[in-house]
PDB file of N, CA and C in Angstrom:
ATOM      1  N   MET A   1      -6.347 -10.760   2.866  1.00  0.00           N
ATOM      2  CA  MET A   1      -5.670 -10.173   4.003  1.00  0.00           C
ATOM      3  C   MET A   1      -4.180 -10.457   3.845  1.00  0.00           C
ATOM      4  N   VAL A   2      -3.372  -9.464   4.159  1.00  0.00           N
ATOM      5  CA  VAL A   2      -1.923  -9.540   4.041  1.00  0.00           C
ATOM      6  C   VAL A   2      -1.324  -9.244   5.411  1.00  0.00           C
ATOM      7  N   ILE A   3      -0.212  -9.892   5.733  1.00  0.00           N
ATOM      8  CA  ILE A   3       0.525  -9.572   6.954  1.00  0.00           C
ATOM      9  C   ILE A   3       1.801  -8.880   6.520  1.00  0.00           C
ATOM     10  N   ALA A   4       2.021  -7.659   7.011  1.00  0.00           N
ATOM     11  CA  ALA A   4       3.121  -6.819   6.516  1.00  0.00           C
ATOM     12  C   ALA A   4       4.433  -7.124   7.199  1.00  0.00           C
ATOM     13  N   GLY A   5       5.462  -7.036   6.423  1.00  0.00           N
ATOM     14  CA  GLY A   5       6.832  -6.886   6.824  1.00  0.00           C
ATOM     15  C   GLY A   5       7.216  -5.564   6.191  1.00  0.00           C
ATOM     16  N   LYS A   6       7.797  -5.645   4.988  1.00  0.00           N
ATOM     17  CA  LYS A   6       8.119  -4.437   4.230  1.00  0.00           C
ATOM     18  C   LYS A   6       7.996  -4.754   2.744  1.00  0.00           C
ATOM     19  N   SER A   7       7.295  -3.909   2.020  1.00  0.00           N
ATOM     20  CA  SER A   7       7.197  -4.096   0.570  1.00  0.00           C
ATOM     21  C   SER A   7       8.250  -3.239  -0.115  1.00  0.00           C
ATOM     22  N   LYS A   8       8.475  -3.505  -1.377  1.00  0.00           N
ATOM     23  CA  LYS A   8       9.424  -2.720  -2.167  1.00  0.00           C
ATOM     24  C   LYS A   8       8.713  -1.521  -2.782  1.00  0.00           C
ATOM     25  N   PRO A   9       9.416  -0.398  -2.930  1.00  0.00           N
ATOM     26  CA  PRO A   9       8.796   0.764  -3.578  1.00  0.00           C
ATOM     27  C   PRO A   9       8.305   0.409  -4.986  1.00  0.00           C
ATOM     28  N   HIS A  10       7.096   0.858  -5.288  1.00  0.00           N
ATOM     29  CA  HIS A  10       6.506   0.542  -6.587  1.00  0.00           C
ATOM     30  C   HIS A  10       5.434   1.569  -6.945  1.00  0.00           C
ATOM     31  N   VAL A  11       4.985   1.509  -8.178  1.00  0.00           N
ATOM     32  CA  VAL A  11       3.866   2.316  -8.667  1.00  0.00           C
ATOM     33  C   VAL A  11       2.909   1.413  -9.415  1.00  0.00           C
ATOM     34  N   HIS A  12       1.716   1.898  -9.604  1.00  0.00           N
ATOM     35  CA  HIS A  12       0.733   1.240 -10.461  1.00  0.00           C
ATOM     36  C   HIS A  12       0.410   2.226 -11.572  1.00  0.00           C
ATOM     37  N   LYS A  13       0.528   1.771 -12.779  1.00  0.00           N
ATOM     38  CA  LYS A  13       0.331   2.666 -13.927  1.00  0.00           C
ATOM     39  C   LYS A  13      -1.119   3.113 -14.088  1.00  0.00           C
ATOM     40  N   LYS A  14      -2.067   2.213 -13.803  1.00  0.00           N
ATOM     41  CA  LYS A  14      -3.475   2.536 -14.055  1.00  0.00           C
ATOM     42  C   LYS A  14      -4.367   2.429 -12.829  1.00  0.00           C
ATOM     43  N   SER A  15      -4.069   1.523 -11.930  1.00  0.00           N
ATOM     44  CA  SER A  15      -5.004   1.264 -10.830  1.00  0.00           C
ATOM     45  C   SER A  15      -4.772   2.166  -9.625  1.00  0.00           C
ATOM     46  N   THR A  16      -5.841   2.360  -8.868  1.00  0.00           N
ATOM     47  CA  THR A  16      -5.820   3.067  -7.593  1.00  0.00           C
ATOM     48  C   THR A  16      -5.854   1.998  -6.509  1.00  0.00           C
ATOM     49  N   GLU A  17      -4.957   2.102  -5.523  1.00  0.00           N
ATOM     50  CA  GLU A  17      -4.843   1.081  -4.489  1.00  0.00           C
ATOM     51  C   GLU A  17      -5.270   1.664  -3.136  1.00  0.00           C
ATOM     52  N   ILE A  18      -5.964   0.842  -2.353  1.00  0.00           N
ATOM     53  CA  ILE A  18      -6.428   1.248  -1.032  1.00  0.00           C
ATOM     54  C   ILE A  18      -5.840   0.289   0.000  1.00  0.00           C
ATOM     55  N   TYR A  19      -5.309   0.855   1.101  1.00  0.00           N
ATOM     56  CA  TYR A  19      -4.772   0.055   2.204  1.00  0.00           C
ATOM     57  C   TYR A  19      -5.601   0.351   3.449  1.00  0.00           C
ATOM     58  N   GLU A  20      -5.885  -0.719   4.228  1.00  0.00           N
ATOM     59  CA  GLU A  20      -6.665  -0.570   5.446  1.00  0.00           C
ATOM     60  C   GLU A  20      -6.186  -1.576   6.492  1.00  0.00           C
ATOM     61  N   PRO A  21      -5.459  -1.126   7.538  1.00  0.00           N
ATOM     62  CA  PRO A  21      -5.030  -2.050   8.585  1.00  0.00           C
ATOM     63  C   PRO A  21      -6.214  -2.553   9.410  1.00  0.00           C
ATOM     64  N   VAL A  22      -6.206  -3.837   9.726  1.00  0.00           N
ATOM     65  CA  VAL A  22      -7.262  -4.415  10.565  1.00  0.00           C
ATOM     66  C   VAL A  22      -6.710  -4.919  11.891  1.00  0.00           C
ATOM     67  N   ARG A  23      -5.370  -5.000  12.002  1.00  0.00           N
ATOM     68  CA  ARG A  23      -4.737  -5.398  13.261  1.00  0.00           C
ATOM     69  C   ARG A  23      -3.342  -4.783  13.308  1.00  0.00           C
ATOM     70  N   GLY A  24      -3.105  -3.921  14.276  1.00  0.00           N
ATOM     71  CA  GLY A  24      -1.816  -3.256  14.393  1.00  0.00           C
ATOM     72  C   GLY A  24      -1.804  -1.942  13.625  1.00  0.00           C
ATOM     73  N   LYS A  25      -0.596  -1.380  13.476  1.00  0.00           N
ATOM     74  CA  LYS A  25      -0.479  -0.131  12.708  1.00  0.00           C
ATOM     75  C   LYS A  25       0.368  -0.387  11.474  1.00  0.00           C
ATOM     76  N   LEU A  26       0.057   0.345  10.431  1.00  0.00           N
ATOM     77  CA  LEU A  26       0.730   0.192   9.147  1.00  0.00           C
ATOM     78  C   LEU A  26       1.374   1.516   8.773  1.00  0.00           C
ATOM     79  N   VAL A  27       2.655   1.456   8.446  1.00  0.00           N
ATOM     80  CA  VAL A  27       3.370   2.649   7.993  1.00  0.00           C
ATOM     81  C   VAL A  27       3.400   2.605   6.474  1.00  0.00           C
ATOM     82  N   ILE A  28       2.943   3.674   5.859  1.00  0.00           N
ATOM     83  CA  ILE A  28       2.908   3.763   4.401  1.00  0.00           C
ATOM     84  C   ILE A  28       3.712   4.978   3.974  1.00  0.00           C
ATOM     85  N   TYR A  29       4.571   4.772   3.010  1.00  0.00           N
ATOM     86  CA  TYR A  29       5.331   5.866   2.409  1.00  0.00           C
ATOM     87  C   TYR A  29       4.709   6.141   1.049  1.00  0.00           C
ATOM     88  N   LYS A  30       4.239   7.362   0.864  1.00  0.00           N
ATOM     89  CA  LYS A  30       3.550   7.771  -0.361  1.00  0.00           C
ATOM     90  C   LYS A  30       4.287   8.994  -0.894  1.00  0.00           C
ATOM     91  N   ASN A  31       4.995   8.820  -2.020  1.00  0.00           N
ATOM     92  CA  ASN A  31       5.823   9.893  -2.597  1.00  0.00           C
ATOM     93  C   ASN A  31       6.772  10.492  -1.566  1.00  0.00           C
ATOM     94  N   GLY A  32       7.366   9.623  -0.740  1.00  0.00           N
ATOM     95  CA  GLY A  32       8.356  10.055   0.232  1.00  0.00           C
ATOM     96  C   GLY A  32       7.800  10.556   1.544  1.00  0.00           C
ATOM     97  N   LYS A  33       6.492  10.709   1.649  1.00  0.00           N
ATOM     98  CA  LYS A  33       5.875  11.178   2.889  1.00  0.00           C
ATOM     99  C   LYS A  33       5.376   9.978   3.699  1.00  0.00           C
ATOM    100  N   LYS A  34       5.642  10.008   5.002  1.00  0.00           N
ATOM    101  CA  LYS A  34       5.291   8.904   5.893  1.00  0.00           C
ATOM    102  C   LYS A  34       3.894   9.109   6.484  1.00  0.00           C
ATOM    103  N   PHE A  35       3.075   8.050   6.398  1.00  0.00           N
ATOM    104  CA  PHE A  35       1.743   8.036   6.991  1.00  0.00           C
ATOM    105  C   PHE A  35       1.663   6.841   7.931  1.00  0.00           C
ATOM    106  N   ILE A  36       1.102   7.037   9.113  1.00  0.00           N
ATOM    107  CA  ILE A  36       0.900   5.939  10.054  1.00  0.00           C
ATOM    108  C   ILE A  36      -0.598   5.712  10.179  1.00  0.00           C
ATOM    109  N   LEU A  37      -1.029   4.509   9.785  1.00  0.00           N
ATOM    110  CA  LEU A  37      -2.447   4.166   9.846  1.00  0.00           C
ATOM    111  C   LEU A  37      -2.694   3.180  10.974  1.00  0.00           C
ATOM    112  N   HIS A  38      -3.788   3.381  11.675  1.00  0.00           N
ATOM    113  CA  HIS A  38      -4.211   2.476  12.730  1.00  0.00           C
ATOM    114  C   HIS A  38      -5.425   1.702  12.247  1.00  0.00           C
ATOM    115  N   GLU A  39      -5.834   0.736  13.036  1.00  0.00           N
ATOM    116  CA  GLU A  39      -6.956  -0.124  12.643  1.00  0.00           C
ATOM    117  C   GLU A  39      -8.149   0.693  12.165  1.00  0.00           C
ATOM    118  N   ASP A  40      -8.731   0.241  11.068  1.00  0.00           N
ATOM    119  CA  ASP A  40      -9.927   0.821  10.454  1.00  0.00           C
ATOM    120  C   ASP A  40      -9.719   2.183   9.790  1.00  0.00           C
ATOM    121  N   GLU A  41      -8.475   2.654   9.671  1.00  0.00           N
ATOM    122  CA  GLU A  41      -8.197   3.845   8.868  1.00  0.00           C
ATOM    123  C   GLU A  41      -7.826   3.381   7.462  1.00  0.00           C
ATOM    124  N   LYS A  42      -7.961   4.264   6.494  1.00  0.00           N
ATOM    125  CA  LYS A  42      -7.673   3.917   5.099  1.00  0.00           C
ATOM    126  C   LYS A  42      -6.799   4.980   4.468  1.00  0.00           C
ATOM    127  N   ILE A  43      -6.060   4.553   3.437  1.00  0.00           N
ATOM    128  CA  ILE A  43      -5.336   5.508   2.603  1.00  0.00           C
ATOM    129  C   ILE A  43      -5.506   5.074   1.156  1.00  0.00           C
ATOM    130  N   VAL A  44      -5.617   6.051   0.285  1.00  0.00           N
ATOM    131  CA  VAL A  44      -5.777   5.794  -1.152  1.00  0.00           C
ATOM    132  C   VAL A  44      -4.482   6.196  -1.850  1.00  0.00           C
ATOM    133  N   ILE A  45      -3.990   5.312  -2.703  1.00  0.00           N
ATOM    134  CA  ILE A  45      -2.785   5.567  -3.491  1.00  0.00           C
ATOM    135  C   ILE A  45      -3.209   5.657  -4.954  1.00  0.00           C
ATOM    136  N   GLU A  46      -3.074   6.833  -5.517  1.00  0.00           N
ATOM    137  CA  GLU A  46      -3.476   7.065  -6.897  1.00  0.00           C
ATOM    138  C   GLU A  46      -2.443   6.473  -7.859  1.00  0.00           C
ATOM    139  N   PRO A  47      -2.805   6.292  -9.137  1.00  0.00           N
ATOM    140  CA  PRO A  47      -1.847   5.784 -10.128  1.00  0.00           C
ATOM    141  C   PRO A  47      -0.598   6.671 -10.206  1.00  0.00           C
ATOM    142  N   ASN A  48       0.528   6.038 -10.507  1.00  0.00           N
ATOM    143  CA  ASN A  48       1.823   6.694 -10.716  1.00  0.00           C
ATOM    144  C   ASN A  48       2.396   7.365  -9.467  1.00  0.00           C
ATOM    145  N   ILE A  49       1.956   6.956  -8.291  1.00  0.00           N
ATOM    146  CA  ILE A  49       2.492   7.453  -7.022  1.00  0.00           C
ATOM    147  C   ILE A  49       3.411   6.372  -6.448  1.00  0.00           C
ATOM    148  N   ILE A  50       4.673   6.713  -6.189  1.00  0.00           N
ATOM    149  CA  ILE A  50       5.601   5.757  -5.590  1.00  0.00           C
ATOM    150  C   ILE A  50       5.173   5.508  -4.150  1.00  0.00           C
ATOM    151  N   HIS A  51       5.077   4.236  -3.783  1.00  0.00           N
ATOM    152  CA  HIS A  51       4.662   3.899  -2.428  1.00  0.00           C
ATOM    153  C   HIS A  51       5.199   2.539  -2.003  1.00  0.00           C
ATOM    154  N   TYR A  52       5.247   2.346  -0.681  1.00  0.00           N
ATOM    155  CA  TYR A  52       5.548   1.048  -0.091  1.00  0.00           C
ATOM    156  C   TYR A  52       5.066   1.051   1.351  1.00  0.00           C
ATOM    157  N   VAL A  53       4.995  -0.129   1.949  1.00  0.00           N
ATOM    158  CA  VAL A  53       4.471  -0.250   3.311  1.00  0.00           C
ATOM    159  C   VAL A  53       5.466  -0.964   4.220  1.00  0.00           C
ATOM    160  N   GLU A  54       5.339  -0.687   5.519  1.00  0.00           N
ATOM    161  CA  GLU A  54       6.093  -1.387   6.558  1.00  0.00           C
ATOM    162  C   GLU A  54       5.143  -1.694   7.703  1.00  0.00           C
ATOM    163  N   GLY A  55       5.345  -2.834   8.309  1.00  0.00           N
ATOM    164  CA  GLY A  55       4.551  -3.184   9.481  1.00  0.00           C
ATOM    165  C   GLY A  55       5.262  -4.259  10.277  1.00  0.00           C
ATOM    166  N   ASN A  56       4.874  -4.390  11.524  1.00  0.00           N
ATOM    167  CA  ASN A  56       5.432  -5.419  12.381  1.00  0.00           C
ATOM    168  C   ASN A  56       4.332  -6.444  12.615  1.00  0.00           C
ATOM    169  N   GLU A  57       4.220  -7.381  11.682  1.00  0.00           N
ATOM    170  CA  GLU A  57       3.140  -8.368  11.682  1.00  0.00           C
ATOM    171  C   GLU A  57       1.769  -7.701  11.677  1.00  0.00           C
ATOM    172  N   THR A  58       1.675  -6.586  10.973  1.00  0.00           N
ATOM    173  CA  THR A  58       0.409  -5.869  10.815  1.00  0.00           C
ATOM    174  C   THR A  58      -0.465  -6.610   9.808  1.00  0.00           C
ATOM    175  N   TRP A  59      -1.702  -6.807  10.159  1.00  0.00           N
ATOM    176  CA  TRP A  59      -2.661  -7.408   9.234  1.00  0.00           C
ATOM    177  C   TRP A  59      -3.397  -6.270   8.540  1.00  0.00           C
ATOM    178  N   PHE A  60      -3.483  -6.348   7.212  1.00  0.00           N
ATOM    179  CA  PHE A  60      -4.183  -5.282   6.496  1.00  0.00           C
ATOM    180  C   PHE A  60      -4.851  -5.797   5.240  1.00  0.00           C
ATOM    181  N   LEU A  61      -5.857  -5.062   4.824  1.00  0.00           N
ATOM    182  CA  LEU A  61      -6.537  -5.316   3.560  1.00  0.00           C
ATOM    183  C   LEU A  61      -5.943  -4.376   2.528  1.00  0.00           C
ATOM    184  N   THR A  62      -5.775  -4.857   1.327  1.00  0.00           N
ATOM    185  CA  THR A  62      -5.384  -3.998   0.219  1.00  0.00           C
ATOM    186  C   THR A  62      -6.184  -4.431  -0.997  1.00  0.00           C
ATOM    187  N   TYR A  63      -6.696  -3.463  -1.693  1.00  0.00           N
ATOM    188  CA  TYR A  63      -7.456  -3.754  -2.902  1.00  0.00           C
ATOM    189  C   TYR A  63      -7.277  -2.603  -3.874  1.00  0.00           C
ATOM    190  N   SER A  64      -7.556  -2.884  -5.130  1.00  0.00           N
ATOM    191  CA  SER A  64      -7.347  -1.849  -6.144  1.00  0.00           C
ATOM    192  C   SER A  64      -8.571  -1.716  -7.028  1.00  0.00           C
ATOM    193  N   LYS A  65      -8.804  -0.474  -7.422  1.00  0.00           N
ATOM    194  CA  LYS A  65      -9.889  -0.189  -8.349  1.00  0.00           C
ATOM    195  C   LYS A  65      -9.353  -0.422  -9.749  1.00  0.00           C
ATOM    196  N   SER A  66     -10.014  -1.190 -10.482  1.00  0.00           N
ATOM    197  CA  SER A  66      -9.724  -1.683 -11.830  1.00  0.00           C
ATOM    198  C   SER A  66      -8.968  -3.001 -11.771  1.00  0.00           C
ATOM    199  N   GLY A  67      -8.663  -3.476 -10.569  1.00  0.00           N
ATOM    200  CA  GLY A  67      -8.042  -4.795 -10.431  1.00  0.00           C
ATOM    201  C   GLY A  67      -6.532  -4.763 -10.584  1.00  0.00           C
ATOM    202  N   TRP A  68      -5.849  -5.563  -9.771  1.00  0.00           N
ATOM    203  CA  TRP A  68      -4.395  -5.649  -9.783  1.00  0.00           C
ATOM    204  C   TRP A  68      -3.942  -6.589 -10.888  1.00  0.00           C
ATOM    205  N   THR A  69      -2.921  -6.175 -11.631  1.00  0.00           N
ATOM    206  CA  THR A  69      -2.307  -7.052 -12.638  1.00  0.00           C
ATOM    207  C   THR A  69      -0.792  -6.888 -12.558  1.00  0.00           C
ATOM    208  N   MET A  70      -0.063  -7.897 -12.996  1.00  0.00           N
ATOM    209  CA  MET A  70       1.403  -7.832 -13.027  1.00  0.00           C
ATOM    210  C   MET A  70       1.879  -6.684 -13.911  1.00  0.00           C
ATOM    211  N   GLU A  71       1.202  -6.453 -15.015  1.00  0.00           N
ATOM    212  CA  GLU A  71       1.612  -5.412 -15.947  1.00  0.00           C
ATOM    213  C   GLU A  71       1.461  -4.005 -15.354  1.00  0.00           C
ATOM    214  N   ASP A  72       0.564  -3.855 -14.401  1.00  0.00           N
ATOM    215  CA  ASP A  72       0.289  -2.551 -13.801  1.00  0.00           C
ATOM    216  C   ASP A  72       1.217  -2.253 -12.623  1.00  0.00           C
ATOM    217  N   HIS A  73       1.884  -3.259 -12.085  1.00  0.00           N
ATOM    218  CA  HIS A  73       2.744  -3.153 -10.896  1.00  0.00           C
ATOM    219  C   HIS A  73       4.191  -2.995 -11.348  1.00  0.00           C
ATOM    220  N   VAL A  74       4.790  -1.813 -11.088  1.00  0.00           N
ATOM    221  CA  VAL A  74       6.153  -1.526 -11.555  1.00  0.00           C
ATOM    222  C   VAL A  74       7.040  -1.191 -10.360  1.00  0.00           C
ATOM    223  N   LEU A  75       8.078  -2.008 -10.136  1.00  0.00           N
ATOM    224  CA  LEU A  75       9.025  -1.739  -9.047  1.00  0.00           C
ATOM    225  C   LEU A  75       9.870  -0.524  -9.381  1.00  0.00           C
ATOM    226  N   VAL A  76      10.226   0.255  -8.345  1.00  0.00           N
ATOM    227  CA  VAL A  76      11.015   1.467  -8.509  1.00  0.00           C
ATOM    228  C   VAL A  76      12.285   1.309  -7.688  1.00  0.00           C
ATOM    229  N   GLU A  77      13.404   1.659  -8.269  1.00  0.00           N
ATOM    230  CA  GLU A  77      14.692   1.568  -7.571  1.00  0.00           C
ATOM    231  C   GLU A  77      14.931   2.790  -6.728  1.00  0.00           C
TER     232      GLU A  77
END
């Protein structure tokens, strides 16, 4: 479980990432488009999609298919 502030824009070269807020609302930017998720909603971020999240002490689950690694996580300016 993660508590959101704001993450930096990034991509994953190989993995697919899923975000699911469990307390509060989570704002996700996916390729420049804003999505607002509420508790128990999910969003899938495919490989090579620029994304980041914002929340005000939002609690959320995040997991990735194929597993998260440092090599797969690339920050974008």
